[in-house]
Amino acid sequence: MKSPCIAVCKNNHGICSGCLRTMEEITGWRYLPETEQISKINQIRAIDSTHTCPNCGENSFCEISAGKERCWCFDIEKRDLSSTARSGVCLCRKCLSSLPIE
């Protein structure tokens, strides 16, 4: 089974600070077909991207921008975005997970 796990697991208010998966992604991981696991790994690592993170300038993936109705960031606790650039574009997983809880 493919996995982005790097064995430094810590639940950071709904997102793993090691692999940057949400708790929902982690618990449902073993039920995903391998093709979906690979796709999700590519999204998490921003190999597949929909935009550039306005905070760090790295590639990022937003499921809504990719045409889905729901994004991974809906599954984590709300973050305080007051210190970030307000461009209307989503932050990457790393930047969003580093922000304080709202």
PDB file of N, CA and C in Angstrom:
ATOM      1  N   MET A   1       0.846  -1.177   0.000  1.00  0.00           N
ATOM      2  CA  MET A   1       0.000   0.000   0.000  1.00  0.00           C
ATOM      3  C   MET A   1       0.893   1.242   0.000  1.00  0.00           C
ATOM      4  N   LYS A   2       0.606   2.184  -0.884  1.00  0.00           N
ATOM      5  CA  LYS A   2       1.323   3.451  -0.958  1.00  0.00           C
ATOM      6  C   LYS A   2       0.897   4.325   0.221  1.00  0.00           C
ATOM      7  N   SER A   3       1.814   5.147   0.710  1.00  0.00           N
ATOM      8  CA  SER A   3       1.484   6.043   1.809  1.00  0.00           C
ATOM      9  C   SER A   3       2.478   7.212   1.857  1.00  0.00           C
ATOM     10  N   PRO A   4       1.993   8.405   2.183  1.00  0.00           N
ATOM     11  CA  PRO A   4       2.890   9.545   2.354  1.00  0.00           C
ATOM     12  C   PRO A   4       3.438   9.634   3.779  1.00  0.00           C
ATOM     13  N   CYS A   5       3.097   8.669   4.627  1.00  0.00           N
ATOM     14  CA  CYS A   5       3.516   8.686   6.025  1.00  0.00           C
ATOM     15  C   CYS A   5       5.040   8.708   6.130  1.00  0.00           C
ATOM     16  N   ILE A   6       5.549   9.590   7.000  1.00  0.00           N
ATOM     17  CA  ILE A   6       6.998   9.652   7.229  1.00  0.00           C
ATOM     18  C   ILE A   6       7.321   9.304   8.684  1.00  0.00           C
ATOM     19  N   ALA A   7       6.356   8.718   9.387  1.00  0.00           N
ATOM     20  CA  ALA A   7       6.518   8.217  10.757  1.00  0.00           C
ATOM     21  C   ALA A   7       6.910   9.300  11.762  1.00  0.00           C
ATOM     22  N   VAL A   8       6.393  10.494  11.579  1.00  0.00           N
ATOM     23  CA  VAL A   8       6.553  11.571  12.556  1.00  0.00           C
ATOM     24  C   VAL A   8       5.152  12.116  12.826  1.00  0.00           C
ATOM     25  N   CYS A   9       4.271  11.221  13.193  1.00  0.00           N
ATOM     26  CA  CYS A   9       2.852  11.545  13.315  1.00  0.00           C
ATOM     27  C   CYS A   9       2.541  12.396  14.542  1.00  0.00           C
ATOM     28  N   LYS A  10       1.778  13.441  14.324  1.00  0.00           N
ATOM     29  CA  LYS A  10       1.244  14.265  15.406  1.00  0.00           C
ATOM     30  C   LYS A  10       0.005  14.960  14.864  1.00  0.00           C
ATOM     31  N   ASN A  11      -1.110  14.770  15.562  1.00  0.00           N
ATOM     32  CA  ASN A  11      -2.355  15.397  15.150  1.00  0.00           C
ATOM     33  C   ASN A  11      -2.302  16.883  15.506  1.00  0.00           C
ATOM     34  N   ASN A  12      -2.180  17.704  14.492  1.00  0.00           N
ATOM     35  CA  ASN A  12      -2.133  19.150  14.650  1.00  0.00           C
ATOM     36  C   ASN A  12      -3.513  19.729  14.334  1.00  0.00           C
ATOM     37  N   HIS A  13      -4.458  19.496  15.243  1.00  0.00           N
ATOM     38  CA  HIS A  13      -5.816  20.011  15.099  1.00  0.00           C
ATOM     39  C   HIS A  13      -6.453  19.597  13.777  1.00  0.00           C
ATOM     40  N   GLY A  14      -6.344  18.305  13.468  1.00  0.00           N
ATOM     41  CA  GLY A  14      -7.017  17.753  12.300  1.00  0.00           C
ATOM     42  C   GLY A  14      -6.122  17.436  11.123  1.00  0.00           C
ATOM     43  N   ILE A  15      -4.840  17.813  11.200  1.00  0.00           N
ATOM     44  CA  ILE A  15      -3.909  17.509  10.118  1.00  0.00           C
ATOM     45  C   ILE A  15      -2.616  16.961  10.719  1.00  0.00           C
ATOM     46  N   CYS A  16      -2.082  15.914  10.119  1.00  0.00           N
ATOM     47  CA  CYS A  16      -0.846  15.313  10.626  1.00  0.00           C
ATOM     48  C   CYS A  16       0.333  16.237  10.303  1.00  0.00           C
ATOM     49  N   SER A  17       1.106  16.577  11.310  1.00  0.00           N
ATOM     50  CA  SER A  17       2.238  17.469  11.076  1.00  0.00           C
ATOM     51  C   SER A  17       3.381  16.761  10.344  1.00  0.00           C
ATOM     52  N   GLY A  18       3.329  15.440  10.231  1.00  0.00           N
ATOM     53  CA  GLY A  18       4.344  14.693   9.491  1.00  0.00           C
ATOM     54  C   GLY A  18       4.031  14.591   8.011  1.00  0.00           C
ATOM     55  N   CYS A  19       2.917  13.929   7.676  1.00  0.00           N
ATOM     56  CA  CYS A  19       2.595  13.671   6.267  1.00  0.00           C
ATOM     57  C   CYS A  19       1.614  14.681   5.669  1.00  0.00           C
ATOM     58  N   LEU A  20       1.031  15.541   6.501  1.00  0.00           N
ATOM     59  CA  LEU A  20       0.096  16.590   6.088  1.00  0.00           C
ATOM     60  C   LEU A  20      -1.247  16.057   5.580  1.00  0.00           C
ATOM     61  N   ARG A  21      -1.581  14.805   5.935  1.00  0.00           N
ATOM     62  CA  ARG A  21      -2.920  14.310   5.630  1.00  0.00           C
ATOM     63  C   ARG A  21      -3.863  14.718   6.751  1.00  0.00           C
ATOM     64  N   THR A  22      -5.136  14.891   6.410  1.00  0.00           N
ATOM     65  CA  THR A  22      -6.134  15.140   7.448  1.00  0.00           C
ATOM     66  C   THR A  22      -6.403  13.826   8.178  1.00  0.00           C
ATOM     67  N   MET A  23      -6.992  13.903   9.346  1.00  0.00           N
ATOM     68  CA  MET A  23      -7.317  12.688  10.086  1.00  0.00           C
ATOM     69  C   MET A  23      -8.295  11.825   9.284  1.00  0.00           C
ATOM     70  N   GLU A  24      -9.210  12.446   8.553  1.00  0.00           N
ATOM     71  CA  GLU A  24     -10.151  11.707   7.711  1.00  0.00           C
ATOM     72  C   GLU A  24      -9.409  10.972   6.592  1.00  0.00           C
ATOM     73  N   GLU A  25      -8.406  11.633   6.004  1.00  0.00           N
ATOM     74  CA  GLU A  25      -7.624  10.975   4.953  1.00  0.00           C
ATOM     75  C   GLU A  25      -6.847   9.794   5.512  1.00  0.00           C
ATOM     76  N   ILE A  26      -6.303   9.946   6.707  1.00  0.00           N
ATOM     77  CA  ILE A  26      -5.532   8.859   7.321  1.00  0.00           C
ATOM     78  C   ILE A  26      -6.433   7.669   7.638  1.00  0.00           C
ATOM     79  N   THR A  27      -7.587   7.915   8.273  1.00  0.00           N
ATOM     80  CA  THR A  27      -8.447   6.804   8.671  1.00  0.00           C
ATOM     81  C   THR A  27      -9.071   6.089   7.471  1.00  0.00           C
ATOM     82  N   GLY A  28      -9.286   6.786   6.371  1.00  0.00           N
ATOM     83  CA  GLY A  28      -9.874   6.150   5.199  1.00  0.00           C
ATOM     84  C   GLY A  28      -8.859   5.652   4.195  1.00  0.00           C
ATOM     85  N   TRP A  29      -7.574   5.848   4.483  1.00  0.00           N
ATOM     86  CA  TRP A  29      -6.514   5.555   3.524  1.00  0.00           C
ATOM     87  C   TRP A  29      -6.530   4.120   3.015  1.00  0.00           C
ATOM     88  N   ARG A  30      -6.663   3.166   3.908  1.00  0.00           N
ATOM     89  CA  ARG A  30      -6.567   1.749   3.497  1.00  0.00           C
ATOM     90  C   ARG A  30      -7.722   1.304   2.610  1.00  0.00           C
ATOM     91  N   TYR A  31      -8.792   2.107   2.568  1.00  0.00           N
ATOM     92  CA  TYR A  31      -9.947   1.764   1.737  1.00  0.00           C
ATOM     93  C   TYR A  31      -9.853   2.364   0.337  1.00  0.00           C
ATOM     94  N   LEU A  32      -8.857   3.241   0.111  1.00  0.00           N
ATOM     95  CA  LEU A  32      -8.702   3.856  -1.211  1.00  0.00           C
ATOM     96  C   LEU A  32      -8.005   2.894  -2.161  1.00  0.00           C
ATOM     97  N   PRO A  33      -8.463   2.859  -3.395  1.00  0.00           N
ATOM     98  CA  PRO A  33      -7.716   2.078  -4.395  1.00  0.00           C
ATOM     99  C   PRO A  33      -6.321   2.698  -4.566  1.00  0.00           C
ATOM    100  N   GLU A  34      -5.354   1.886  -4.993  1.00  0.00           N
ATOM    101  CA  GLU A  34      -3.977   2.368  -5.124  1.00  0.00           C
ATOM    102  C   GLU A  34      -3.872   3.579  -6.042  1.00  0.00           C
ATOM    103  N   THR A  35      -4.667   3.631  -7.088  1.00  0.00           N
ATOM    104  CA  THR A  35      -4.611   4.783  -8.003  1.00  0.00           C
ATOM    105  C   THR A  35      -5.021   6.072  -7.288  1.00  0.00           C
ATOM    106  N   GLU A  36      -6.018   5.979  -6.395  1.00  0.00           N
ATOM    107  CA  GLU A  36      -6.439   7.159  -5.627  1.00  0.00           C
ATOM    108  C   GLU A  36      -5.404   7.527  -4.566  1.00  0.00           C
ATOM    109  N   GLN A  37      -4.751   6.526  -3.980  1.00  0.00           N
ATOM    110  CA  GLN A  37      -3.678   6.811  -3.025  1.00  0.00           C
ATOM    111  C   GLN A  37      -2.551   7.586  -3.710  1.00  0.00           C
ATOM    112  N   ILE A  38      -2.156   7.129  -4.883  1.00  0.00           N
ATOM    113  CA  ILE A  38      -1.092   7.798  -5.633  1.00  0.00           C
ATOM    114  C   ILE A  38      -1.516   9.224  -5.996  1.00  0.00           C
ATOM    115  N   SER A  39      -2.740   9.378  -6.427  1.00  0.00           N
ATOM    116  CA  SER A  39      -3.251  10.707  -6.774  1.00  0.00           C
ATOM    117  C   SER A  39      -3.227  11.632  -5.559  1.00  0.00           C
ATOM    118  N   LYS A  40      -3.665  11.131  -4.416  1.00  0.00           N
ATOM    119  CA  LYS A  40      -3.687  11.936  -3.185  1.00  0.00           C
ATOM    120  C   LYS A  40      -2.270  12.287  -2.739  1.00  0.00           C
ATOM    121  N   ILE A  41      -1.334  11.347  -2.837  1.00  0.00           N
ATOM    122  CA  ILE A  41       0.065  11.628  -2.501  1.00  0.00           C
ATOM    123  C   ILE A  41       0.597  12.756  -3.387  1.00  0.00           C
ATOM    124  N   ASN A  42       0.284  12.703  -4.671  1.00  0.00           N
ATOM    125  CA  ASN A  42       0.731  13.751  -5.589  1.00  0.00           C
ATOM    126  C   ASN A  42       0.110  15.104  -5.267  1.00  0.00           C
ATOM    127  N   GLN A  43      -1.111  15.102  -4.776  1.00  0.00           N
ATOM    128  CA  GLN A  43      -1.757  16.355  -4.360  1.00  0.00           C
ATOM    129  C   GLN A  43      -1.114  16.896  -3.088  1.00  0.00           C
ATOM    130  N   ILE A  44      -0.888  16.023  -2.117  1.00  0.00           N
ATOM    131  CA  ILE A  44      -0.289  16.435  -0.841  1.00  0.00           C
ATOM    132  C   ILE A  44       1.117  17.001  -1.075  1.00  0.00           C
ATOM    133  N   ARG A  45       1.873  16.357  -1.927  1.00  0.00           N
ATOM    134  CA  ARG A  45       3.248  16.807  -2.220  1.00  0.00           C
ATOM    135  C   ARG A  45       3.286  17.917  -3.265  1.00  0.00           C
ATOM    136  N   ALA A  46       2.106  18.312  -3.751  1.00  0.00           N
ATOM    137  CA  ALA A  46       1.948  19.377  -4.749  1.00  0.00           C
ATOM    138  C   ALA A  46       2.651  19.062  -6.070  1.00  0.00           C
ATOM    139  N   ILE A  47       2.786  17.768  -6.368  1.00  0.00           N
ATOM    140  CA  ILE A  47       3.241  17.359  -7.697  1.00  0.00           C
ATOM    141  C   ILE A  47       2.116  17.697  -8.670  1.00  0.00           C
ATOM    142  N   ASP A  48       0.879  17.405  -8.244  1.00  0.00           N
ATOM    143  CA  ASP A  48      -0.315  17.902  -8.926  1.00  0.00           C
ATOM    144  C   ASP A  48      -0.711  19.164  -8.187  1.00  0.00           C
ATOM    145  N   SER A  49      -0.871  20.260  -8.901  1.00  0.00           N
ATOM    146  CA  SER A  49      -1.236  21.505  -8.218  1.00  0.00           C
ATOM    147  C   SER A  49      -2.298  22.254  -9.011  1.00  0.00           C
ATOM    148  N   THR A  50      -3.030  23.066  -8.304  1.00  0.00           N
ATOM    149  CA  THR A  50      -4.048  23.910  -8.939  1.00  0.00           C
ATOM    150  C   THR A  50      -3.648  25.377  -8.894  1.00  0.00           C
ATOM    151  N   HIS A  51      -2.686  25.721  -8.031  1.00  0.00           N
ATOM    152  CA  HIS A  51      -2.289  27.124  -7.879  1.00  0.00           C
ATOM    153  C   HIS A  51      -0.994  27.223  -7.072  1.00  0.00           C
ATOM    154  N   THR A  52      -0.538  28.420  -6.869  1.00  0.00           N
ATOM    155  CA  THR A  52       0.624  28.697  -6.041  1.00  0.00           C
ATOM    156  C   THR A  52       0.140  29.243  -4.709  1.00  0.00           C
ATOM    157  N   CYS A  53       0.685  28.757  -3.622  1.00  0.00           N
ATOM    158  CA  CYS A  53       0.318  29.238  -2.289  1.00  0.00           C
ATOM    159  C   CYS A  53       0.718  30.712  -2.171  1.00  0.00           C
ATOM    160  N   PRO A  54      -0.227  31.586  -1.788  1.00  0.00           N
ATOM    161  CA  PRO A  54       0.106  33.011  -1.672  1.00  0.00           C
ATOM    162  C   PRO A  54       1.022  33.315  -0.490  1.00  0.00           C
ATOM    163  N   ASN A  55       1.156  32.375   0.414  1.00  0.00           N
ATOM    164  CA  ASN A  55       1.968  32.605   1.609  1.00  0.00           C
ATOM    165  C   ASN A  55       3.446  32.255   1.374  1.00  0.00           C
ATOM    166  N   CYS A  56       3.705  31.095   0.751  1.00  0.00           N
ATOM    167  CA  CYS A  56       5.096  30.642   0.581  1.00  0.00           C
ATOM    168  C   CYS A  56       5.560  30.586  -0.871  1.00  0.00           C
ATOM    169  N   GLY A  57       4.622  30.678  -1.807  1.00  0.00           N
ATOM    170  CA  GLY A  57       4.979  30.643  -3.218  1.00  0.00           C
ATOM    171  C   GLY A  57       5.181  29.256  -3.801  1.00  0.00           C
ATOM    172  N   GLU A  58       4.942  28.211  -2.992  1.00  0.00           N
ATOM    173  CA  GLU A  58       5.079  26.830  -3.473  1.00  0.00           C
ATOM    174  C   GLU A  58       3.779  26.381  -4.141  1.00  0.00           C
ATOM    175  N   ASN A  59       3.866  25.335  -4.946  1.00  0.00           N
ATOM    176  CA  ASN A  59       2.675  24.767  -5.559  1.00  0.00           C
ATOM    177  C   ASN A  59       1.743  24.230  -4.481  1.00  0.00           C
ATOM    178  N   SER A  60       0.455  24.266  -4.781  1.00  0.00           N
ATOM    179  CA  SER A  60      -0.557  23.808  -3.827  1.00  0.00           C
ATOM    180  C   SER A  60      -1.715  23.190  -4.588  1.00  0.00           C
ATOM    181  N   PHE A  61      -2.502  22.374  -3.884  1.00  0.00           N
ATOM    182  CA  PHE A  61      -3.646  21.718  -4.509  1.00  0.00           C
ATOM    183  C   PHE A  61      -4.910  22.020  -3.714  1.00  0.00           C
ATOM    184  N   CYS A  62      -5.914  22.561  -4.398  1.00  0.00           N
ATOM    185  CA  CYS A  62      -7.235  22.829  -3.808  1.00  0.00           C
ATOM    186  C   CYS A  62      -8.250  21.957  -4.527  1.00  0.00           C
ATOM    187  N   GLU A  63      -8.965  21.136  -3.778  1.00  0.00           N
ATOM    188  CA  GLU A  63      -9.930  20.230  -4.391  1.00  0.00           C
ATOM    189  C   GLU A  63     -11.099  20.986  -5.028  1.00  0.00           C
ATOM    190  N   ILE A  64     -11.471  22.132  -4.476  1.00  0.00           N
ATOM    191  CA  ILE A  64     -12.553  22.924  -5.075  1.00  0.00           C
ATOM    192  C   ILE A  64     -12.089  23.492  -6.414  1.00  0.00           C
ATOM    193  N   SER A  65     -10.864  24.010  -6.444  1.00  0.00           N
ATOM    194  CA  SER A  65     -10.317  24.511  -7.714  1.00  0.00           C
ATOM    195  C   SER A  65     -10.205  23.394  -8.744  1.00  0.00           C
ATOM    196  N   ALA A  66     -10.072  22.161  -8.272  1.00  0.00           N
ATOM    197  CA  ALA A  66      -9.975  21.006  -9.164  1.00  0.00           C
ATOM    198  C   ALA A  66     -11.354  20.473  -9.567  1.00  0.00           C
ATOM    199  N   GLY A  67     -12.423  21.160  -9.134  1.00  0.00           N
ATOM    200  CA  GLY A  67     -13.765  20.793  -9.567  1.00  0.00           C
ATOM    201  C   GLY A  67     -14.605  20.007  -8.583  1.00  0.00           C
ATOM    202  N   LYS A  68     -14.082  19.753  -7.381  1.00  0.00           N
ATOM    203  CA  LYS A  68     -14.868  19.024  -6.383  1.00  0.00           C
ATOM    204  C   LYS A  68     -15.702  20.007  -5.552  1.00  0.00           C
ATOM    205  N   GLU A  69     -16.684  19.488  -4.836  1.00  0.00           N
ATOM    206  CA  GLU A  69     -17.550  20.327  -4.011  1.00  0.00           C
ATOM    207  C   GLU A  69     -16.984  20.575  -2.627  1.00  0.00           C
ATOM    208  N   ARG A  70     -16.045  19.753  -2.215  1.00  0.00           N
ATOM    209  CA  ARG A  70     -15.514  19.812  -0.858  1.00  0.00           C
ATOM    210  C   ARG A  70     -13.994  19.699  -0.910  1.00  0.00           C
ATOM    211  N   CYS A  71     -13.310  20.447  -0.057  1.00  0.00           N
ATOM    212  CA  CYS A  71     -11.855  20.430  -0.027  1.00  0.00           C
ATOM    213  C   CYS A  71     -11.352  19.795   1.268  1.00  0.00           C
ATOM    214  N   TRP A  72     -10.131  19.284   1.239  1.00  0.00           N
ATOM    215  CA  TRP A  72      -9.498  18.673   2.410  1.00  0.00           C
ATOM    216  C   TRP A  72      -9.471  19.633   3.596  1.00  0.00           C
ATOM    217  N   CYS A  73      -9.326  20.924   3.344  1.00  0.00           N
ATOM    218  CA  CYS A  73      -9.186  21.890   4.440  1.00  0.00           C
ATOM    219  C   CYS A  73     -10.467  22.052   5.260  1.00  0.00           C
ATOM    220  N   PHE A  74     -11.596  21.566   4.757  1.00  0.00           N
ATOM    221  CA  PHE A  74     -12.845  21.606   5.517  1.00  0.00           C
ATOM    222  C   PHE A  74     -12.800  20.636   6.696  1.00  0.00           C
ATOM    223  N   ASP A  75     -11.868  19.676   6.663  1.00  0.00           N
ATOM    224  CA  ASP A  75     -11.798  18.630   7.676  1.00  0.00           C
ATOM    225  C   ASP A  75     -10.838  18.933   8.825  1.00  0.00           C
ATOM    226  N   ILE A  76     -10.241  20.113   8.814  1.00  0.00           N
ATOM    227  CA  ILE A  76      -9.340  20.488   9.912  1.00  0.00           C
ATOM    228  C   ILE A  76      -9.946  21.666  10.668  1.00  0.00           C
ATOM    229  N   GLU A  77      -9.442  21.906  11.880  1.00  0.00           N
ATOM    230  CA  GLU A  77      -9.941  23.038  12.653  1.00  0.00           C
ATOM    231  C   GLU A  77      -9.579  24.340  11.957  1.00  0.00           C
ATOM    232  N   LYS A  78     -10.461  25.312  12.072  1.00  0.00           N
ATOM    233  CA  LYS A  78     -10.251  26.609  11.426  1.00  0.00           C
ATOM    234  C   LYS A  78      -8.992  27.269  11.963  1.00  0.00           C
ATOM    235  N   ARG A  79      -8.235  27.846  11.050  1.00  0.00           N
ATOM    236  CA  ARG A  79      -7.000  28.538  11.401  1.00  0.00           C
ATOM    237  C   ARG A  79      -7.202  30.051  11.364  1.00  0.00           C
ATOM    238  N   ASP A  80      -6.354  30.774  12.096  1.00  0.00           N
ATOM    239  CA  ASP A  80      -6.363  32.234  12.099  1.00  0.00           C
ATOM    240  C   ASP A  80      -5.577  32.703  10.884  1.00  0.00           C
ATOM    241  N   LEU A  81      -6.276  33.254   9.901  1.00  0.00           N
ATOM    242  CA  LEU A  81      -5.653  33.679   8.654  1.00  0.00           C
ATOM    243  C   LEU A  81      -5.243  35.149   8.655  1.00  0.00           C
ATOM    244  N   SER A  82      -5.360  35.820   9.802  1.00  0.00           N
ATOM    245  CA  SER A  82      -5.112  37.266   9.845  1.00  0.00           C
ATOM    246  C   SER A  82      -3.678  37.647   9.488  1.00  0.00           C
ATOM    247  N   SER A  83      -2.732  36.740   9.648  1.00  0.00           N
ATOM    248  CA  SER A  83      -1.330  37.065   9.352  1.00  0.00           C
ATOM    249  C   SER A  83      -0.928  36.698   7.926  1.00  0.00           C
ATOM    250  N   THR A  84      -1.871  36.228   7.108  1.00  0.00           N
ATOM    251  CA  THR A  84      -1.544  35.764   5.759  1.00  0.00           C
ATOM    252  C   THR A  84      -2.008  36.753   4.703  1.00  0.00           C
ATOM    253  N   ALA A  85      -1.481  36.592   3.523  1.00  0.00           N
ATOM    254  CA  ALA A  85      -1.916  37.402   2.381  1.00  0.00           C
ATOM    255  C   ALA A  85      -3.350  37.014   2.040  1.00  0.00           C
ATOM    256  N   ARG A  86      -4.211  37.976   1.893  1.00  0.00           N
ATOM    257  CA  ARG A  86      -5.626  37.712   1.575  1.00  0.00           C
ATOM    258  C   ARG A  86      -5.848  37.849   0.075  1.00  0.00           C
ATOM    259  N   SER A  87      -5.485  36.834  -0.659  1.00  0.00           N
ATOM    260  CA  SER A  87      -5.602  36.907  -2.115  1.00  0.00           C
ATOM    261  C   SER A  87      -6.811  36.140  -2.638  1.00  0.00           C
ATOM    262  N   GLY A  88      -7.549  35.485  -1.757  1.00  0.00           N
ATOM    263  CA  GLY A  88      -8.672  34.674  -2.196  1.00  0.00           C
ATOM    264  C   GLY A  88      -8.248  33.305  -2.703  1.00  0.00           C
ATOM    265  N   VAL A  89      -6.951  32.989  -2.592  1.00  0.00           N
ATOM    266  CA  VAL A  89      -6.420  31.707  -3.024  1.00  0.00           C
ATOM    267  C   VAL A  89      -6.027  30.912  -1.784  1.00  0.00           C
ATOM    268  N   CYS A  90      -6.287  29.632  -1.813  1.00  0.00           N
ATOM    269  CA  CYS A  90      -6.000  28.758  -0.676  1.00  0.00           C
ATOM    270  C   CYS A  90      -4.508  28.669  -0.370  1.00  0.00           C
ATOM    271  N   LEU A  91      -4.204  28.466   0.903  1.00  0.00           N
ATOM    272  CA  LEU A  91      -2.832  28.205   1.325  1.00  0.00           C
ATOM    273  C   LEU A  91      -2.516  26.729   1.106  1.00  0.00           C
ATOM    274  N   CYS A  92      -1.242  26.411   1.015  1.00  0.00           N
ATOM    275  CA  CYS A  92      -0.828  25.018   0.901  1.00  0.00           C
ATOM    276  C   CYS A  92      -1.013  24.329   2.258  1.00  0.00           C
ATOM    277  N   ARG A  93      -0.929  23.022   2.273  1.00  0.00           N
ATOM    278  CA  ARG A  93      -1.115  22.249   3.501  1.00  0.00           C
ATOM    279  C   ARG A  93      -0.107  22.640   4.576  1.00  0.00           C
ATOM    280  N   LYS A  94       1.134  22.843   4.183  1.00  0.00           N
ATOM    281  CA  LYS A  94       2.181  23.167   5.153  1.00  0.00           C
ATOM    282  C   LYS A  94       1.924  24.525   5.809  1.00  0.00           C
ATOM    283  N   CYS A  95       1.624  25.534   5.006  1.00  0.00           N
ATOM    284  CA  CYS A  95       1.362  26.872   5.550  1.00  0.00           C
ATOM    285  C   CYS A  95       0.099  26.880   6.413  1.00  0.00           C
ATOM    286  N   LEU A  96      -0.961  26.244   5.930  1.00  0.00           N
ATOM    287  CA  LEU A  96      -2.212  26.231   6.689  1.00  0.00           C
ATOM    288  C   LEU A  96      -2.042  25.502   8.011  1.00  0.00           C
ATOM    289  N   SER A  97      -1.316  24.398   8.011  1.00  0.00           N
ATOM    290  CA  SER A  97      -1.140  23.635   9.255  1.00  0.00           C
ATOM    291  C   SER A  97      -0.263  24.375  10.257  1.00  0.00           C
ATOM    292  N   SER A  98       0.569  25.302   9.791  1.00  0.00           N
ATOM    293  CA  SER A  98       1.456  26.029  10.723  1.00  0.00           C
ATOM    294  C   SER A  98       0.779  27.214  11.405  1.00  0.00           C
ATOM    295  N   LEU A  99      -0.410  27.578  10.952  1.00  0.00           N
ATOM    296  CA  LEU A  99      -1.109  28.714  11.537  1.00  0.00           C
ATOM    297  C   LEU A  99      -1.784  28.339  12.861  1.00  0.00           C
ATOM    298  N   PRO A 100      -1.949  29.334  13.753  1.00  0.00           N
ATOM    299  CA  PRO A 100      -2.655  29.055  15.007  1.00  0.00           C
ATOM    300  C   PRO A 100      -4.140  28.800  14.762  1.00  0.00           C
ATOM    301  N   ILE A 101      -4.756  28.101  15.693  1.00  0.00           N
ATOM    302  CA  ILE A 101      -6.196  27.826  15.624  1.00  0.00           C
ATOM    303  C   ILE A 101      -6.953  29.135  15.864  1.00  0.00           C
ATOM    304  N   GLU A 102      -8.031  29.291  15.123  1.00  0.00           N
ATOM    305  CA  GLU A 102      -8.847  30.506  15.219  1.00  0.00           C
ATOM    306  C   GLU A 102      -9.509  30.628  16.580  1.00  0.00           C
TER     307      GLU A 102
END
